[in-house]
C-alpha atoms as a PDB file:
ATOM      1  CA  UNK A   1       0.430   0.285  -0.237  1.00  0.00           C
ATOM      2  CA  UNK A   2       1.434   3.388  -0.844  1.00  0.00           C
ATOM      3  CA  UNK A   3       2.061   5.782   1.814  1.00  0.00           C
ATOM      4  CA  UNK A   4      -0.188   8.870   1.951  1.00  0.00           C
ATOM      5  CA  UNK A   5       1.957  12.230   0.372  1.00  0.00           C
ATOM      6  CA  UNK A   6       3.017  14.901   2.576  1.00  0.00           C
ATOM      7  CA  UNK A   7       0.742  18.000   2.921  1.00  0.00           C
ATOM      8  CA  UNK A   8       2.554  20.888   1.434  1.00  0.00           C
ATOM      9  CA  UNK A   9       2.044  23.283   4.117  1.00  0.00           C
ATOM     10  CA  UNK A  10       3.145  20.298   6.538  1.00  0.00           C
ATOM     11  CA  UNK A  11       6.696  19.889   4.360  1.00  0.00           C
ATOM     12  CA  UNK A  12       9.420  21.340   6.571  1.00  0.00           C
ATOM     13  CA  UNK A  13      11.934  20.909   3.877  1.00  0.00           C
ATOM     14  CA  UNK A  14       9.716  23.129   1.446  1.00  0.00           C
ATOM     15  CA  UNK A  15       8.584  25.848   4.041  1.00  0.00           C
ATOM     16  CA  UNK A  16      11.870  26.303   4.721  1.00  0.00           C
ATOM     17  CA  UNK A  17      13.555  26.452   1.107  1.00  0.00           C
ATOM     18  CA  UNK A  18      14.156  29.544  -1.203  1.00  0.00           C
ATOM     19  CA  UNK A  19      11.210  28.555  -3.704  1.00  0.00           C
ATOM     20  CA  UNK A  20       8.686  29.467  -0.400  1.00  0.00           C
ATOM     21  CA  UNK A  21      10.287  32.664   0.720  1.00  0.00           C
ATOM     22  CA  UNK A  22       7.364  34.480  -0.499  1.00  0.00           C
ATOM     23  CA  UNK A  23       5.166  32.024   2.088  1.00  0.00           C
ATOM     24  CA  UNK A  24       7.379  33.043   4.993  1.00  0.00           C
ATOM     25  CA  UNK A  25       7.301  36.640   4.047  1.00  0.00           C
ATOM     26  CA  UNK A  26       3.520  36.098   4.128  1.00  0.00           C
ATOM     27  CA  UNK A  27       3.291  34.769   7.620  1.00  0.00           C
ATOM     28  CA  UNK A  28       5.454  37.275   9.100  1.00  0.00           C
ATOM     29  CA  UNK A  29       2.145  39.702   7.692  1.00  0.00           C
ATOM     30  CA  UNK A  30      -0.654  37.469   9.556  1.00  0.00           C
ATOM     31  CA  UNK A  31       0.963  35.480  12.108  1.00  0.00           C
ATOM     32  CA  UNK A  32       1.553  38.935  13.971  1.00  0.00           C
ATOM     33  CA  UNK A  33      -1.661  40.698  13.061  1.00  0.00           C
ATOM     34  CA  UNK A  34      -3.196  37.655  14.012  1.00  0.00           C
ATOM     35  CA  UNK A  35      -1.400  37.491  17.464  1.00  0.00           C
ATOM     36  CA  UNK A  36      -2.001  41.598  17.953  1.00  0.00           C
ATOM     37  CA  UNK A  37      -5.737  41.662  16.959  1.00  0.00           C
ATOM     38  CA  UNK A  38      -5.584  38.911  19.694  1.00  0.00           C
ATOM     39  CA  UNK A  39      -3.888  41.212  22.492  1.00  0.00           C
ATOM     40  CA  UNK A  40      -5.684  44.203  21.579  1.00  0.00           C
ATOM     41  CA  UNK A  41      -2.511  46.534  20.089  1.00  0.00           C
ATOM     42  CA  UNK A  42      -4.098  49.145  18.114  1.00  0.00           C
ATOM     43  CA  UNK A  43      -1.135  51.378  19.365  1.00  0.00           C
ATOM     44  CA  UNK A  44       1.898  51.262  20.297  1.00  0.00           C
ATOM     45  CA  UNK A  45       5.379  53.626  21.391  1.00  0.00           C
ATOM     46  CA  UNK A  46       8.543  52.316  19.581  1.00  0.00           C
ATOM     47  CA  UNK A  47      11.827  52.793  21.446  1.00  0.00           C
ATOM     48  CA  UNK A  48      15.170  52.513  18.940  1.00  0.00           C
ATOM     49  CA  UNK A  49      18.536  52.148  20.675  1.00  0.00           C
ATOM     50  CA  UNK A  50      21.963  50.757  21.128  1.00  0.00           C
ATOM     51  CA  UNK A  51      21.677  47.076  22.397  1.00  0.00           C
ATOM     52  CA  UNK A  52      25.172  47.737  23.604  1.00  0.00           C
ATOM     53  CA  UNK A  53      24.115  50.848  26.359  1.00  0.00           C
ATOM     54  CA  UNK A  54      23.063  48.294  29.432  1.00  0.00           C
ATOM     55  CA  UNK A  55      22.738  49.711  33.117  1.00  0.00           C
ATOM     56  CA  UNK A  56      26.346  50.765  33.128  1.00  0.00           C
ATOM     57  CA  UNK A  57      26.372  52.583  29.861  1.00  0.00           C
ATOM     58  CA  UNK A  58      29.490  51.226  27.444  1.00  0.00           C
ATOM     59  CA  UNK A  59      32.685  51.386  26.798  1.00  0.00           C
ATOM     60  CA  UNK A  60      33.463  54.921  25.856  1.00  0.00           C
ATOM     61  CA  UNK A  61      32.603  58.484  27.661  1.00  0.00           C
ATOM     62  CA  UNK A  62      29.683  59.778  28.338  1.00  0.00           C
ATOM     63  CA  UNK A  63      27.309  56.782  28.016  1.00  0.00           C
ATOM     64  CA  UNK A  64      25.775  56.269  31.240  1.00  0.00           C
ATOM     65  CA  UNK A  65      22.102  56.988  32.176  1.00  0.00           C
ATOM     66  CA  UNK A  66      21.052  56.199  29.129  1.00  0.00           C
ATOM     67  CA  UNK A  67      19.751  52.649  29.726  1.00  0.00           C
ATOM     68  CA  UNK A  68      17.989  54.358  33.428  1.00  0.00           C
ATOM     69  CA  UNK A  69      16.640  57.021  31.296  1.00  0.00           C
ATOM     70  CA  UNK A  70      14.940  54.676  28.964  1.00  0.00           C
ATOM     71  CA  UNK A  71      13.292  52.812  31.910  1.00  0.00           C
ATOM     72  CA  UNK A  72      12.198  56.035  33.377  1.00  0.00           C
ATOM     73  CA  UNK A  73      10.363  57.056  30.430  1.00  0.00           C
ATOM     74  CA  UNK A  74       8.960  53.867  29.252  1.00  0.00           C
ATOM     75  CA  UNK A  75       8.049  53.404  32.997  1.00  0.00           C
ATOM     76  CA  UNK A  76       5.854  56.709  32.725  1.00  0.00           C
ATOM     77  CA  UNK A  77       4.196  56.418  29.538  1.00  0.00           C
ATOM     78  CA  UNK A  78       3.078  52.898  29.979  1.00  0.00           C
ATOM     79  CA  UNK A  79       1.846  53.895  33.954  1.00  0.00           C
ATOM     80  CA  UNK A  80       0.045  56.600  32.322  1.00  0.00           C
ATOM     81  CA  UNK A  81      -1.652  54.440  29.047  1.00  0.00           C
ATOM     82  CA  UNK A  82      -2.724  52.689  31.864  1.00  0.00           C
ATOM     83  CA  UNK A  83      -5.508  55.308  33.077  1.00  0.00           C
ATOM     84  CA  UNK A  84      -7.159  55.699  29.787  1.00  0.00           C
ATOM     85  CA  UNK A  85     -10.808  55.466  29.435  1.00  0.00           C
ATOM     86  CA  UNK A  86     -11.430  53.033  27.361  1.00  0.00           C
ATOM     87  CA  UNK A  87      -8.941  50.193  26.706  1.00  0.00           C
ATOM     88  CA  UNK A  88      -8.507  51.025  22.869  1.00  0.00           C
ATOM     89  CA  UNK A  89      -7.218  54.884  23.496  1.00  0.00           C
ATOM     90  CA  UNK A  90      -4.298  52.422  25.582  1.00  0.00           C
ATOM     91  CA  UNK A  91      -0.720  52.166  23.822  1.00  0.00           C
ATOM     92  CA  UNK A  92       1.899  49.332  24.403  1.00  0.00           C
ATOM     93  CA  UNK A  93       5.947  50.079  24.865  1.00  0.00           C
ATOM     94  CA  UNK A  94       7.070  48.615  21.708  1.00  0.00           C
ATOM     95  CA  UNK A  95      11.067  47.103  21.270  1.00  0.00           C
ATOM     96  CA  UNK A  96      13.393  45.475  19.265  1.00  0.00           C
ATOM     97  CA  UNK A  97      12.986  42.943  21.952  1.00  0.00           C
ATOM     98  CA  UNK A  98      16.799  42.565  22.314  1.00  0.00           C
ATOM     99  CA  UNK A  99      19.170  43.903  25.278  1.00  0.00           C
ATOM    100  CA  UNK A 100      20.710  47.212  26.505  1.00  0.00           C
ATOM    101  CA  UNK A 101      17.970  49.952  25.808  1.00  0.00           C
ATOM    102  CA  UNK A 102      15.499  47.848  24.034  1.00  0.00           C
ATOM    103  CA  UNK A 103      15.766  45.874  27.508  1.00  0.00           C
ATOM    104  CA  UNK A 104      15.207  49.266  29.760  1.00  0.00           C
ATOM    105  CA  UNK A 105      12.289  50.559  27.649  1.00  0.00           C
ATOM    106  CA  UNK A 106      10.776  46.953  28.148  1.00  0.00           C
ATOM    107  CA  UNK A 107      11.825  46.620  31.610  1.00  0.00           C
ATOM    108  CA  UNK A 108       9.962  50.132  32.763  1.00  0.00           C
ATOM    109  CA  UNK A 109       6.614  48.917  30.958  1.00  0.00           C
ATOM    110  CA  UNK A 110       6.708  45.940  33.411  1.00  0.00           C
ATOM    111  CA  UNK A 111       7.787  47.909  36.219  1.00  0.00           C
ATOM    112  CA  UNK A 112       4.752  49.420  35.372  1.00  0.00           C
ATOM    113  CA  UNK A 113       2.879  46.585  35.427  1.00  0.00           C
ATOM    114  CA  UNK A 114       2.099  46.506  31.153  1.00  0.00           C
ATOM    115  CA  UNK A 115       2.464  44.382  28.500  1.00  0.00           C
ATOM    116  CA  UNK A 116       4.865  45.220  26.634  1.00  0.00           C
ATOM    117  CA  UNK A 117       6.096  43.760  23.029  1.00  0.00           C
ATOM    118  CA  UNK A 118       9.624  42.900  21.581  1.00  0.00           C
ATOM    119  CA  UNK A 119       9.793  42.272  18.161  1.00  0.00           C
ATOM    120  CA  UNK A 120      13.715  40.066  17.991  1.00  0.00           C
ATOM    121  CA  UNK A 121      14.976  39.839  14.730  1.00  0.00           C
ATOM    122  CA  UNK A 122      17.242  36.505  14.092  1.00  0.00           C
ATOM    123  CA  UNK A 123      20.831  37.775  13.957  1.00  0.00           C
ATOM    124  CA  UNK A 124      24.260  35.814  15.006  1.00  0.00           C
ATOM    125  CA  UNK A 125      24.839  37.910  18.282  1.00  0.00           C
ATOM    126  CA  UNK A 126      23.280  40.615  20.054  1.00  0.00           C
ATOM    127  CA  UNK A 127      20.007  39.566  19.353  1.00  0.00           C
ATOM    128  CA  UNK A 128      18.212  37.288  21.771  1.00  0.00           C
ATOM    129  CA  UNK A 129      14.939  38.362  23.456  1.00  0.00           C
ATOM    130  CA  UNK A 130      15.034  40.466  27.338  1.00  0.00           C
ATOM    131  CA  UNK A 131      13.430  38.791  30.023  1.00  0.00           C
ATOM    132  CA  UNK A 132      10.624  41.780  30.526  1.00  0.00           C
ATOM    133  CA  UNK A 133       9.165  41.701  27.115  1.00  0.00           C
ATOM    134  CA  UNK A 134       5.295  39.981  27.831  1.00  0.00           C
ATOM    135  CA  UNK A 135       5.575  36.408  26.830  1.00  0.00           C
ATOM    136  CA  UNK A 136       2.451  36.910  24.796  1.00  0.00           C
ATOM    137  CA  UNK A 137       4.087  39.713  22.601  1.00  0.00           C
ATOM    138  CA  UNK A 138       7.526  38.258  22.029  1.00  0.00           C
ATOM    139  CA  UNK A 139       8.002  37.818  18.770  1.00  0.00           C
ATOM    140  CA  UNK A 140      10.916  36.608  16.056  1.00  0.00           C
ATOM    141  CA  UNK A 141      11.060  37.963  12.553  1.00  0.00           C
ATOM    142  CA  UNK A 142      13.681  36.855  10.167  1.00  0.00           C
ATOM    143  CA  UNK A 143      12.935  39.728   7.535  1.00  0.00           C
ATOM    144  CA  UNK A 144      14.281  43.169   8.666  1.00  0.00           C
ATOM    145  CA  UNK A 145      11.529  45.127   6.229  1.00  0.00           C
ATOM    146  CA  UNK A 146       9.247  42.704   7.781  1.00  0.00           C
ATOM    147  CA  UNK A 147      10.430  43.734  11.604  1.00  0.00           C
ATOM    148  CA  UNK A 148      10.388  47.024  10.583  1.00  0.00           C
ATOM    149  CA  UNK A 149       6.801  46.919   9.328  1.00  0.00           C
ATOM    150  CA  UNK A 150       5.328  46.290  12.361  1.00  0.00           C
ATOM    151  CA  UNK A 151       7.451  48.431  14.556  1.00  0.00           C
ATOM    152  CA  UNK A 152       5.801  51.608  12.061  1.00  0.00           C
ATOM    153  CA  UNK A 153       2.629  49.972  11.732  1.00  0.00           C
ATOM    154  CA  UNK A 154       0.747  50.703  14.812  1.00  0.00           C
ATOM    155  CA  UNK A 155       3.035  53.624  16.110  1.00  0.00           C
ATOM    156  CA  UNK A 156       1.931  56.567  17.416  1.00  0.00           C
ATOM    157  CA  UNK A 157       5.336  57.842  18.578  1.00  0.00           C
ATOM    158  CA  UNK A 158       9.043  56.939  18.222  1.00  0.00           C
ATOM    159  CA  UNK A 159      11.675  57.697  20.312  1.00  0.00           C
ATOM    160  CA  UNK A 160      15.372  57.075  19.260  1.00  0.00           C
ATOM    161  CA  UNK A 161      18.346  56.676  21.414  1.00  0.00           C
ATOM    162  CA  UNK A 162      21.823  56.600  21.397  1.00  0.00           C
ATOM    163  CA  UNK A 163      22.741  53.915  19.246  1.00  0.00           C
ATOM    164  CA  UNK A 164      24.958  52.195  16.110  1.00  0.00           C
ATOM    165  CA  UNK A 165      24.026  51.027  12.332  1.00  0.00           C
ATOM    166  CA  UNK A 166      21.162  49.412  13.704  1.00  0.00           C
ATOM    167  CA  UNK A 167      19.770  52.273  15.260  1.00  0.00           C
ATOM    168  CA  UNK A 168      21.159  55.069  12.962  1.00  0.00           C
ATOM    169  CA  UNK A 169      19.149  52.809   9.720  1.00  0.00           C
ATOM    170  CA  UNK A 170      15.388  53.066  12.092  1.00  0.00           C
ATOM    171  CA  UNK A 171      16.012  56.226  12.357  1.00  0.00           C
ATOM    172  CA  UNK A 172      16.557  58.084   8.865  1.00  0.00           C
ATOM    173  CA  UNK A 173      13.790  55.298   7.647  1.00  0.00           C
ATOM    174  CA  UNK A 174      11.169  57.279   9.915  1.00  0.00           C
ATOM    175  CA  UNK A 175      12.532  60.442   9.292  1.00  0.00           C
ATOM    176  CA  UNK A 176      12.597  59.494   5.540  1.00  0.00           C
ATOM    177  CA  UNK A 177       8.931  58.140   5.877  1.00  0.00           C
ATOM    178  CA  UNK A 178       7.132  61.401   7.297  1.00  0.00           C
ATOM    179  CA  UNK A 179       9.827  63.666   5.103  1.00  0.00           C
ATOM    180  CA  UNK A 180       8.123  62.725   2.421  1.00  0.00           C
ATOM    181  CA  UNK A 181       4.700  62.007   4.081  1.00  0.00           C
ATOM    182  CA  UNK A 182       4.518  58.368   2.886  1.00  0.00           C
ATOM    183  CA  UNK A 183       3.016  57.855   6.578  1.00  0.00           C
ATOM    184  CA  UNK A 184      -0.943  57.961   6.571  1.00  0.00           C
ATOM    185  CA  UNK A 185      -0.200  59.671  10.548  1.00  0.00           C
ATOM    186  CA  UNK A 186       1.929  62.081   9.282  1.00  0.00           C
ATOM    187  CA  UNK A 187       2.680  64.048  12.431  1.00  0.00           C
ATOM    188  CA  UNK A 188       3.603  61.081  14.523  1.00  0.00           C
ATOM    189  CA  UNK A 189       6.419  62.490  16.956  1.00  0.00           C
ATOM    190  CA  UNK A 190      10.274  61.515  16.402  1.00  0.00           C
ATOM    191  CA  UNK A 191      11.642  62.037  19.941  1.00  0.00           C
ATOM    192  CA  UNK A 192      15.832  62.029  19.928  1.00  0.00           C
ATOM    193  CA  UNK A 193      17.300  61.245  22.819  1.00  0.00           C
ATOM    194  CA  UNK A 194      20.191  63.636  24.589  1.00  0.00           C
ATOM    195  CA  UNK A 195      20.197  66.623  22.307  1.00  0.00           C
ATOM    196  CA  UNK A 196      24.101  66.862  22.861  1.00  0.00           C
ATOM    197  CA  UNK A 197      25.309  62.618  21.328  1.00  0.00           C
ATOM    198  CA  UNK A 198      22.929  63.777  18.203  1.00  0.00           C
ATOM    199  CA  UNK A 199      23.759  67.162  17.387  1.00  0.00           C
ATOM    200  CA  UNK A 200      27.494  65.292  17.577  1.00  0.00           C
ATOM    201  CA  UNK A 201      27.036  62.745  15.695  1.00  0.00           C
ATOM    202  CA  UNK A 202      24.307  64.103  13.018  1.00  0.00           C
ATOM    203  CA  UNK A 203      24.705  67.810  11.800  1.00  0.00           C
ATOM    204  CA  UNK A 204      21.321  68.276  10.530  1.00  0.00           C
ATOM    205  CA  UNK A 205      21.659  71.599  10.119  1.00  0.00           C
ATOM    206  CA  UNK A 206      24.703  71.179   8.029  1.00  0.00           C
ATOM    207  CA  UNK A 207      22.205  69.454   5.783  1.00  0.00           C
ATOM    208  CA  UNK A 208      20.118  71.847   5.292  1.00  0.00           C
ATOM    209  CA  UNK A 209      22.772  74.681   5.031  1.00  0.00           C
ATOM    210  CA  UNK A 210      23.648  73.048   1.685  1.00  0.00           C
ATOM    211  CA  UNK A 211      20.191  72.202   0.413  1.00  0.00           C
ATOM    212  CA  UNK A 212      20.064  68.597   1.186  1.00  0.00           C
ATOM    213  CA  UNK A 213      16.537  69.113   2.657  1.00  0.00           C
ATOM    214  CA  UNK A 214      15.307  71.791   3.401  1.00  0.00           C
ATOM    215  CA  UNK A 215      14.963  74.070   6.478  1.00  0.00           C
ATOM    216  CA  UNK A 216      11.167  72.785   7.419  1.00  0.00           C
ATOM    217  CA  UNK A 217      12.606  68.796   8.046  1.00  0.00           C
ATOM    218  CA  UNK A 218      14.196  70.149  10.760  1.00  0.00           C
ATOM    219  CA  UNK A 219      10.815  70.343  12.559  1.00  0.00           C
ATOM    220  CA  UNK A 220       9.845  66.961  12.282  1.00  0.00           C
ATOM    221  CA  UNK A 221      11.782  65.564  15.036  1.00  0.00           C
ATOM    222  CA  UNK A 222      12.327  67.087  18.379  1.00  0.00           C
ATOM    223  CA  UNK A 223      15.508  66.823  20.737  1.00  0.00           C
ATOM    224  CA  UNK A 224      14.642  65.706  24.221  1.00  0.00           C
ATOM    225  CA  UNK A 225      17.313  65.196  27.359  1.00  0.00           C
ATOM    226  CA  UNK A 226      14.972  63.905  30.267  1.00  0.00           C
ATOM    227  CA  UNK A 227      12.577  61.255  30.761  1.00  0.00           C
ATOM    228  CA  UNK A 228      10.455  64.412  32.301  1.00  0.00           C
ATOM    229  CA  UNK A 229      10.607  66.599  29.027  1.00  0.00           C
ATOM    230  CA  UNK A 230      10.171  63.186  26.477  1.00  0.00           C
ATOM    231  CA  UNK A 231       6.914  63.127  28.845  1.00  0.00           C
ATOM    232  CA  UNK A 232       5.882  66.005  28.510  1.00  0.00           C
ATOM    233  CA  UNK A 233       6.693  66.694  24.793  1.00  0.00           C
ATOM    234  CA  UNK A 234       4.725  63.275  24.265  1.00  0.00           C
ATOM    235  CA  UNK A 235       1.690  63.502  26.737  1.00  0.00           C
ATOM    236  CA  UNK A 236      -0.543  66.284  24.648  1.00  0.00           C
ATOM    237  CA  UNK A 237       1.175  65.113  21.056  1.00  0.00           C
ATOM    238  CA  UNK A 238      -0.189  61.254  21.550  1.00  0.00           C
ATOM    239  CA  UNK A 239      -3.516  63.183  22.856  1.00  0.00           C
ATOM    240  CA  UNK A 240      -4.214  63.822  19.636  1.00  0.00           C
ATOM    241  CA  UNK A 241      -3.028  61.227  17.826  1.00  0.00           C
ATOM    242  CA  UNK A 242      -4.481  58.825  19.608  1.00  0.00           C
ATOM    243  CA  UNK A 243      -7.985  61.131  19.226  1.00  0.00           C
ATOM    244  CA  UNK A 244      -7.859  61.535  16.220  1.00  0.00           C
ATOM    245  CA  UNK A 245      -7.466  57.472  14.819  1.00  0.00           C
ATOM    246  CA  UNK A 246      -9.696  56.278  17.774  1.00  0.00           C
ATOM    247  CA  UNK A 247     -12.173  59.209  18.487  1.00  0.00           C
ATOM    248  CA  UNK A 248     -12.890  60.343  21.973  1.00  0.00           C
ATOM    249  CA  UNK A 249      -9.115  60.458  24.227  1.00  0.00           C
ATOM    250  CA  UNK A 250      -9.619  60.531  28.157  1.00  0.00           C
ATOM    251  CA  UNK A 251      -7.268  59.658  30.190  1.00  0.00           C
ATOM    252  CA  UNK A 252      -8.909  59.770  33.502  1.00  0.00           C
ATOM    253  CA  UNK A 253      -7.431  63.436  34.603  1.00  0.00           C
ATOM    254  CA  UNK A 254     -10.069  66.584  35.240  1.00  0.00           C
END
């Protein structure tokens, strides 16, 4: 008697082959979409930053304190989110899921007693899920572009801490999307944490002076240098954005 053939969707050799790449890409869209919907995630505040900036800073000068600043800002935002009158008005702190600044933001949200998202990516080093991600919101991506899609899909604000190549990639992509008005939510706030660091690393004004960007483009991001400043800047803008998307917004304050 001839054995039954294996069904195509149960054929792991095929699913992991080059020929099934389109199927894998589609899975990285559909499975997160379903899980986020089940967890009632509709708004996020995204934290970007270095995986190498731990609680003690990193090798080099003036890198101490960023980890705990990210932790505190995420804590304040997550605590405030929990006061929303309607669940659909709440937001989740979202990170790349790894160590460093990502861990700090997930840690702050967890300290507030909130669920928090980690969008991990398969890398040969540095990237592994931190312990503060909510289990049901712990994702692992193979394709960078699908991970980037989910970073931005629900984002109502983006906060960028100091980082390396990956952080710069994420920053300039969101700046480009906002500059070109490709984002439906064109007013999404983009915060660069620590004005001294970012002005030293990137001469945005020089780009404008040379006509490579317009002077108006300098207004599509905002510098902040403390958790308090970041929270106070974001609060009214998040209210406005979520109100526009979801209807009446109320944070429990008179």
